[in-house]
């Protein structure tokens, strides 16, 4: 292994310890990607790895009761693990407002943003972070993100959230809740679950997390990653992309990646590990990644729909009632969550934690 760039420790100190993030580093006028952010050659997303033959479905959900909508969603969840939805009912002005709010927050001076840095924030329900898990990574991701815990109890700390974006975050979350509920009802119906009672609601959707993701313009975007390949540990994830794109999904052939193009007003939906486990592999949580952008600052806003912290999950009884063997054991979400955030993004290896 070649010797490490002597500037690396200084960059870690500036970006992480001094709470400037990658935004602060870019603001100093860096003209090339520091070694700390450069991916090994084999991990970079070159043109030869991008599939031009596949695309994930775009589903019109204006009529949730249409059996074809149910069929399309469940089929996409099983085959692709990803799909986009249009005519979902979240107003376009709400979507535009939360994207603008993300730009406003990351446009604040470093010292203002730094007030919300993880471990320094006035409340643990909102935290500014950089990369993914810097203490566990040898290569950093080209991103900062502001993370909001959004359970009903967490929302009580709303007055302590950043004034430049808190109203828009809550409006986006509240507008998305009926869509989340409908999606989970459809997906569970596909697993022969008749209704989402209070217990299942807690296991499926009690602790959402909403992130404002920020990917600043990158001088050498081909060398680095906005997010390295991983699957989400959520039940499902609802993602709002901006017009600059950058999301890629692992193709079914495993050897290539499919670009998910931005569609005006659409929400990108993906299955998380939790739902793959609960469905005993009927639904798939698929690896995805985000590329850096060489010309513009990019934002996106995912809502990670998570179980309650002390919820346990495993294959659903309805899935196993025909005698099918469970592929996963019962796991506490808090343990799964802690394990995921103890290491770098590493594909789908987190799921080994729950395998029988």
Protein backbone atom coordinates (compact mmCIF):
# COMPACT_ATOMS: atom_id res chain seq x y z
CA UNK A 1 0.00 0.00 0.00
CA UNK A 2 1.44 3.43 -0.94
CA UNK A 3 2.18 5.86 1.91
CA UNK A 4 -0.73 8.02 2.96
CA UNK A 5 -0.86 11.64 1.80
CA UNK A 6 0.57 13.73 4.68
CA UNK A 7 -2.31 16.17 4.19
CA UNK A 8 -4.89 13.49 5.03
CA UNK A 9 -4.76 13.97 8.80
CA UNK A 10 -5.06 17.74 8.36
CA UNK A 11 -8.10 17.26 6.12
CA UNK A 12 -9.75 14.90 8.62
CA UNK A 13 -9.11 17.46 11.35
CA UNK A 14 -10.59 20.28 9.26
CA UNK A 15 -13.58 18.34 7.89
CA UNK A 16 -14.53 16.26 10.96
CA UNK A 17 -12.94 17.59 14.14
CA UNK A 18 -13.37 21.28 13.29
CA UNK A 19 -16.90 20.56 12.00
CA UNK A 20 -16.50 22.10 8.53
CA UNK A 21 -17.63 19.09 6.52
CA UNK A 22 -16.95 18.61 2.82
CA UNK A 23 -18.88 21.86 2.21
CA UNK A 24 -16.29 23.74 4.23
CA UNK A 25 -13.45 22.02 2.38
CA UNK A 26 -14.90 22.86 -1.04
CA UNK A 27 -15.39 26.46 0.10
CA UNK A 28 -11.61 26.76 0.57
CA UNK A 29 -11.26 26.41 -3.21
CA UNK A 30 -9.83 22.89 -3.56
CA UNK A 31 -9.00 22.26 -7.21
CA UNK A 32 -8.57 18.48 -7.06
CA UNK A 33 -10.03 15.64 -5.00
CA UNK A 34 -7.88 14.95 -1.92
CA UNK A 35 -6.54 11.41 -1.58
CA UNK A 36 -8.90 10.80 1.35
CA UNK A 37 -11.84 10.89 -1.09
CA UNK A 38 -10.35 8.90 -4.00
CA UNK A 39 -11.89 5.48 -4.62
CA UNK A 40 -9.78 2.47 -5.61
CA UNK A 41 -9.90 2.13 -9.41
CA UNK A 42 -11.99 -1.05 -9.29
CA UNK A 43 -14.71 0.70 -7.25
CA UNK A 44 -15.21 3.64 -9.59
CA UNK A 45 -18.30 3.83 -11.77
CA UNK A 46 -16.91 3.96 -15.31
CA UNK A 47 -19.07 4.07 -18.46
CA UNK A 48 -18.44 0.35 -19.03
CA UNK A 49 -20.34 -0.41 -15.80
CA UNK A 50 -23.50 1.51 -16.68
CA UNK A 51 -26.41 -0.43 -18.16
CA UNK A 52 -28.18 1.20 -21.10
CA UNK A 53 -30.69 -1.63 -21.51
CA UNK A 54 -32.59 -1.41 -18.21
CA UNK A 55 -34.68 1.17 -16.39
CA UNK A 56 -36.67 0.96 -13.18
CA UNK A 57 -40.47 1.33 -13.47
CA UNK A 58 -42.36 4.61 -13.13
CA UNK A 59 -45.77 3.87 -11.60
CA UNK A 60 -48.80 6.17 -11.64
CA UNK A 61 -50.47 5.81 -8.23
CA UNK A 62 -53.33 8.28 -8.78
CA UNK A 63 -55.72 5.35 -8.06
CA UNK A 64 -54.35 3.28 -5.19
CA UNK A 65 -57.34 0.94 -5.40
CA UNK A 66 -56.57 -0.13 -8.96
CA UNK A 67 -55.39 -3.77 -8.84
CA UNK A 68 -52.87 -2.95 -11.58
CA UNK A 69 -51.19 -0.45 -9.22
CA UNK A 70 -50.86 -3.11 -6.51
CA UNK A 71 -49.52 -5.60 -9.02
CA UNK A 72 -47.01 -3.12 -10.46
CA UNK A 73 -45.70 -2.09 -7.03
CA UNK A 74 -45.31 -5.64 -5.71
CA UNK A 75 -43.70 -6.82 -8.95
CA UNK A 76 -41.22 -3.92 -8.93
CA UNK A 77 -40.43 -4.56 -5.25
CA UNK A 78 -39.59 -8.17 -6.02
CA UNK A 79 -37.70 -7.71 -9.28
CA UNK A 80 -35.97 -4.34 -9.01
CA UNK A 81 -36.30 -3.30 -5.37
CA UNK A 82 -36.73 0.23 -6.76
CA UNK A 83 -39.42 2.18 -8.60
CA UNK A 84 -40.62 5.75 -9.01
CA UNK A 85 -44.15 6.95 -8.29
CA UNK A 86 -46.00 9.87 -9.86
CA UNK A 87 -49.39 11.44 -9.01
CA UNK A 88 -48.81 10.45 -5.38
CA UNK A 89 -50.51 13.48 -3.82
CA UNK A 90 -47.52 15.27 -2.27
CA UNK A 91 -47.79 18.83 -3.67
CA UNK A 92 -45.02 19.91 -6.02
CA UNK A 93 -44.56 23.12 -4.03
CA UNK A 94 -43.81 21.04 -0.91
CA UNK A 95 -41.16 19.05 -2.80
CA UNK A 96 -39.61 22.19 -4.27
CA UNK A 97 -39.63 23.93 -0.89
CA UNK A 98 -37.71 21.19 0.92
CA UNK A 99 -35.06 21.12 -1.84
CA UNK A 100 -34.68 24.90 -1.52
CA UNK A 101 -34.48 24.52 2.27
CA UNK A 102 -31.58 22.06 1.91
CA UNK A 103 -29.67 24.57 -0.24
CA UNK A 104 -30.42 27.30 2.32
CA UNK A 105 -29.05 25.28 5.22
CA UNK A 106 -25.87 24.28 3.41
CA UNK A 107 -25.47 27.85 2.21
CA UNK A 108 -25.09 29.03 5.81
CA UNK A 109 -21.62 30.07 7.02
CA UNK A 110 -19.52 27.20 8.41
CA UNK A 111 -19.89 28.37 12.00
CA UNK A 112 -23.71 28.50 11.68
CA UNK A 113 -23.92 24.99 10.20
CA UNK A 114 -21.46 23.73 12.78
CA UNK A 115 -23.89 24.53 15.60
CA UNK A 116 -25.84 21.41 14.54
CA UNK A 117 -22.84 19.09 14.19
CA UNK A 118 -23.39 15.63 15.70
CA UNK A 119 -22.43 15.80 19.37
CA UNK A 120 -22.65 19.59 19.35
CA UNK A 121 -26.29 20.07 18.31
CA UNK A 122 -28.79 21.59 20.77
CA UNK A 123 -30.84 18.37 20.45
CA UNK A 124 -29.92 14.82 19.51
CA UNK A 125 -32.92 14.72 17.14
CA UNK A 126 -31.02 16.77 14.55
CA UNK A 127 -27.39 16.22 13.60
CA UNK A 128 -25.08 17.43 10.85
CA UNK A 129 -22.65 14.76 9.64
CA UNK A 130 -20.14 14.20 6.86
CA UNK A 131 -19.31 11.17 4.72
CA UNK A 132 -20.94 8.11 6.39
CA UNK A 133 -18.96 6.84 9.40
CA UNK A 134 -15.65 8.75 9.20
CA UNK A 135 -14.07 6.83 12.07
CA UNK A 136 -14.59 3.54 10.20
CA UNK A 137 -13.70 4.71 6.68
CA UNK A 138 -10.38 4.87 4.85
CA UNK A 139 -12.06 6.58 1.88
CA UNK A 140 -14.60 9.31 2.63
CA UNK A 141 -17.81 9.97 0.70
CA UNK A 142 -18.24 13.37 -1.02
CA UNK A 143 -21.23 14.50 0.99
CA UNK A 144 -22.57 16.18 4.11
CA UNK A 145 -26.05 15.59 5.49
CA UNK A 146 -28.39 17.00 8.08
CA UNK A 147 -30.32 14.19 9.74
CA UNK A 148 -33.66 14.61 11.52
CA UNK A 149 -35.23 11.95 13.76
CA UNK A 150 -38.95 12.34 13.20
CA UNK A 151 -40.99 10.15 15.54
CA UNK A 152 -43.86 12.02 17.26
CA UNK A 153 -41.76 12.38 20.41
CA UNK A 154 -38.75 13.62 18.42
CA UNK A 155 -40.88 16.31 16.79
CA UNK A 156 -41.33 17.91 20.21
CA UNK A 157 -37.80 19.31 19.81
CA UNK A 158 -38.85 21.18 16.64
CA UNK A 159 -38.06 24.64 18.19
CA UNK A 160 -34.38 23.59 18.44
CA UNK A 161 -34.13 22.63 14.76
CA UNK A 162 -32.49 25.01 12.22
CA UNK A 163 -34.99 27.80 11.46
CA UNK A 164 -33.90 27.97 7.79
CA UNK A 165 -35.30 24.51 7.02
CA UNK A 166 -37.39 23.07 9.86
CA UNK A 167 -40.82 24.13 8.57
CA UNK A 168 -40.15 22.67 5.14
CA UNK A 169 -38.82 19.40 6.63
CA UNK A 170 -41.94 18.86 8.73
CA UNK A 171 -44.27 19.80 5.86
CA UNK A 172 -42.53 17.31 3.56
CA UNK A 173 -42.72 14.58 6.19
CA UNK A 174 -46.39 15.19 6.99
CA UNK A 175 -47.31 15.32 3.29
CA UNK A 176 -45.46 12.04 2.66
CA UNK A 177 -47.03 10.11 5.56
CA UNK A 178 -50.22 9.09 3.68
CA UNK A 179 -48.06 7.91 0.77
CA UNK A 180 -45.87 5.87 3.11
CA UNK A 181 -48.95 4.29 4.69
CA UNK A 182 -50.45 3.42 1.29
CA UNK A 183 -47.21 1.94 0.01
CA UNK A 184 -46.82 -0.27 3.07
CA UNK A 185 -50.45 -1.39 2.89
CA UNK A 186 -49.98 -2.41 -0.75
CA UNK A 187 -46.67 -4.16 -0.11
CA UNK A 188 -48.00 -6.00 2.94
CA UNK A 189 -51.12 -7.00 1.01
CA UNK A 190 -48.76 -8.66 -1.46
CA UNK A 191 -47.48 -10.73 1.49
CA UNK A 192 -51.02 -11.77 2.53
CA UNK A 193 -51.12 -9.38 5.49
CA UNK A 194 -54.72 -8.17 5.74
CA UNK A 195 -54.16 -4.98 7.73
CA UNK A 196 -51.49 -2.94 9.47
CA UNK A 197 -52.52 -3.02 13.13
CA UNK A 198 -50.82 -0.99 15.89
CA UNK A 199 -48.16 -3.66 16.52
CA UNK A 200 -47.24 -3.94 12.83
CA UNK A 201 -47.31 -0.16 12.50
CA UNK A 202 -44.67 0.07 15.23
CA UNK A 203 -42.53 -2.58 13.55
CA UNK A 204 -42.84 -0.97 10.13
CA UNK A 205 -42.86 2.80 10.49
CA UNK A 206 -42.57 4.18 14.03
CA UNK A 207 -39.20 5.95 13.76
CA UNK A 208 -38.71 7.77 10.45
CA UNK A 209 -35.47 9.63 9.75
CA UNK A 210 -35.38 12.43 7.19
CA UNK A 211 -32.07 13.58 5.75
CA UNK A 212 -31.13 16.67 3.79
CA UNK A 213 -28.28 15.31 1.66
CA UNK A 214 -25.76 17.72 0.16
CA UNK A 215 -23.25 16.83 -2.54
CA UNK A 216 -21.11 19.89 -3.40
CA UNK A 217 -19.67 20.36 -6.85
CA UNK A 218 -16.64 18.10 -7.25
CA UNK A 219 -13.52 18.97 -9.29
CA UNK A 220 -12.90 15.30 -10.27
CA UNK A 221 -16.26 13.52 -9.95
CA UNK A 222 -15.07 10.31 -11.61
CA UNK A 223 -12.56 9.67 -8.82
CA UNK A 224 -14.90 9.71 -5.86
CA UNK A 225 -18.42 8.80 -4.72
CA UNK A 226 -21.28 10.77 -3.24
CA UNK A 227 -22.39 7.54 -1.58
CA UNK A 228 -20.67 4.16 -1.91
CA UNK A 229 -22.70 1.01 -2.76
CA UNK A 230 -25.03 -0.10 0.02
CA UNK A 231 -28.60 -1.15 0.72
CA UNK A 232 -30.79 0.77 3.17
CA UNK A 233 -31.66 -0.71 6.55
CA UNK A 234 -35.13 0.85 6.49
CA UNK A 235 -38.47 -0.81 5.86
CA UNK A 236 -38.77 1.36 2.77
CA UNK A 237 -37.11 4.61 1.70
CA UNK A 238 -38.85 7.53 0.00
CA UNK A 239 -36.36 9.66 -1.95
CA UNK A 240 -36.78 13.08 -3.51
CA UNK A 241 -34.10 13.73 -6.15
CA UNK A 242 -33.25 17.11 -7.60
CA UNK A 243 -32.95 17.71 -11.33
CA UNK A 244 -29.22 16.87 -11.40
CA UNK A 245 -29.66 13.12 -10.86
CA UNK A 246 -26.79 10.95 -9.71
CA UNK A 247 -28.52 7.85 -8.29
CA UNK A 248 -27.54 4.43 -9.66
CA UNK A 249 -29.06 1.06 -8.77
CA UNK A 250 -27.44 -2.36 -9.04
CA UNK A 251 -28.82 -4.17 -12.11
CA UNK A 252 -30.29 -7.64 -11.83
CA UNK A 253 -27.24 -9.08 -13.62
CA UNK A 254 -25.13 -7.79 -10.67
CA UNK A 255 -22.38 -6.58 -13.01
CA UNK A 256 -23.76 -3.19 -14.01
CA UNK A 257 -25.62 -0.17 -12.68
CA UNK A 258 -28.84 1.51 -13.81
CA UNK A 259 -29.22 5.28 -13.70
CA UNK A 260 -32.42 6.51 -12.04
CA UNK A 261 -33.25 9.67 -14.00
CA UNK A 262 -34.96 12.54 -12.19
CA UNK A 263 -38.67 12.78 -13.06
CA UNK A 264 -40.35 16.08 -12.19
CA UNK A 265 -42.60 15.60 -9.16
CA UNK A 266 -41.75 11.90 -8.76
CA UNK A 267 -40.62 10.12 -5.61
CA UNK A 268 -38.14 7.25 -5.80
CA UNK A 269 -39.15 4.27 -3.65
CA UNK A 270 -36.82 1.48 -2.58
CA UNK A 271 -37.15 -1.57 -0.41
CA UNK A 272 -34.97 -1.65 2.70
CA UNK A 273 -33.34 -4.63 4.40
CA UNK A 274 -36.16 -4.81 6.96
CA UNK A 275 -38.80 -5.51 4.33
CA UNK A 276 -36.58 -8.01 2.52
CA UNK A 277 -36.20 -9.86 5.83
CA UNK A 278 -39.91 -9.62 6.71
CA UNK A 279 -40.84 -10.89 3.24
CA UNK A 280 -38.31 -13.74 3.48
CA UNK A 281 -36.67 -12.48 0.27
CA UNK A 282 -39.85 -11.91 -1.77
CA UNK A 283 -38.98 -8.21 -1.85
CA UNK A 284 -35.41 -7.11 -2.47
CA UNK A 285 -33.37 -4.34 -0.91
CA UNK A 286 -30.99 -3.46 -3.72
CA UNK A 287 -27.55 -1.89 -3.60
CA UNK A 288 -27.41 1.67 -4.84
CA UNK A 289 -24.85 4.44 -5.04
CA UNK A 290 -24.62 8.15 -5.77
CA UNK A 291 -22.07 9.78 -8.06
CA UNK A 292 -20.54 13.19 -7.53
CA UNK A 293 -21.41 16.10 -9.83
CA UNK A 294 -18.72 18.06 -11.63
CA UNK A 295 -20.71 21.19 -12.39
CA UNK A 296 -23.37 21.78 -9.71
CA UNK A 297 -24.14 21.38 -6.03
CA UNK A 298 -26.72 18.60 -5.68
CA UNK A 299 -29.30 17.89 -2.96
CA UNK A 300 -31.69 15.03 -2.25
CA UNK A 301 -34.11 14.29 0.58
CA UNK A 302 -34.66 10.68 1.65
CA UNK A 303 -37.16 9.60 4.29
CA UNK A 304 -35.99 6.35 5.86
CA UNK A 305 -39.12 4.60 7.16
CA UNK A 306 -37.84 2.62 10.15
CA UNK A 307 -39.21 0.34 12.88
CA UNK A 308 -39.46 1.58 16.44
CA UNK A 309 -36.09 1.48 18.21
CA UNK A 310 -36.94 -1.52 20.39
CA UNK A 311 -39.02 -3.33 17.76
CA UNK A 312 -38.00 -6.83 16.72
CA UNK A 313 -38.53 -8.17 13.23
CA UNK A 314 -38.12 -11.36 11.24
CA UNK A 315 -39.98 -13.16 8.46
CA UNK A 316 -43.73 -12.52 8.80
CA UNK A 317 -45.92 -15.41 10.00
CA UNK A 318 -48.15 -14.88 6.95
CA UNK A 319 -45.15 -15.51 4.69
CA UNK A 320 -44.17 -18.71 6.50
CA UNK A 321 -47.66 -20.17 6.99
CA UNK A 322 -47.28 -22.61 4.07
CA UNK A 323 -44.29 -24.23 5.77
CA UNK A 324 -41.57 -22.18 4.13
CA UNK A 325 -38.32 -22.11 6.12
CA UNK A 326 -37.25 -18.72 7.51
CA UNK A 327 -34.07 -17.36 5.97
CA UNK A 328 -33.61 -14.87 8.81
CA UNK A 329 -33.81 -14.87 12.59
CA UNK A 330 -35.65 -12.42 14.83
CA UNK A 331 -33.54 -9.31 15.27
CA UNK A 332 -33.91 -6.15 17.38
CA UNK A 333 -33.88 -3.08 15.14
CA UNK A 334 -31.65 -1.21 17.61
CA UNK A 335 -28.98 -3.93 17.24
CA UNK A 336 -29.28 -3.96 13.44
CA UNK A 337 -29.08 -0.16 13.31
CA UNK A 338 -26.03 -0.06 15.57
CA UNK A 339 -24.24 -2.69 13.49
CA UNK A 340 -24.92 -0.81 10.22
CA UNK A 341 -23.45 2.40 11.61
CA UNK A 342 -20.39 0.68 13.07
CA UNK A 343 -18.73 0.22 9.66
CA UNK A 344 -18.35 1.75 6.21
CA UNK A 345 -20.90 1.24 3.44
CA UNK A 346 -20.23 -2.30 2.26
CA UNK A 347 -22.94 -3.44 -0.12
CA UNK A 348 -25.45 -5.79 1.47
CA UNK A 349 -23.18 -7.30 4.11
CA UNK A 350 -25.29 -5.89 6.94
CA UNK A 351 -27.94 -8.52 6.13
CA UNK A 352 -25.54 -11.27 7.27
CA UNK A 353 -26.29 -10.01 10.79
CA UNK A 354 -29.84 -11.37 10.49
CA UNK A 355 -29.34 -14.53 8.43
CA UNK A 356 -30.15 -17.91 9.95
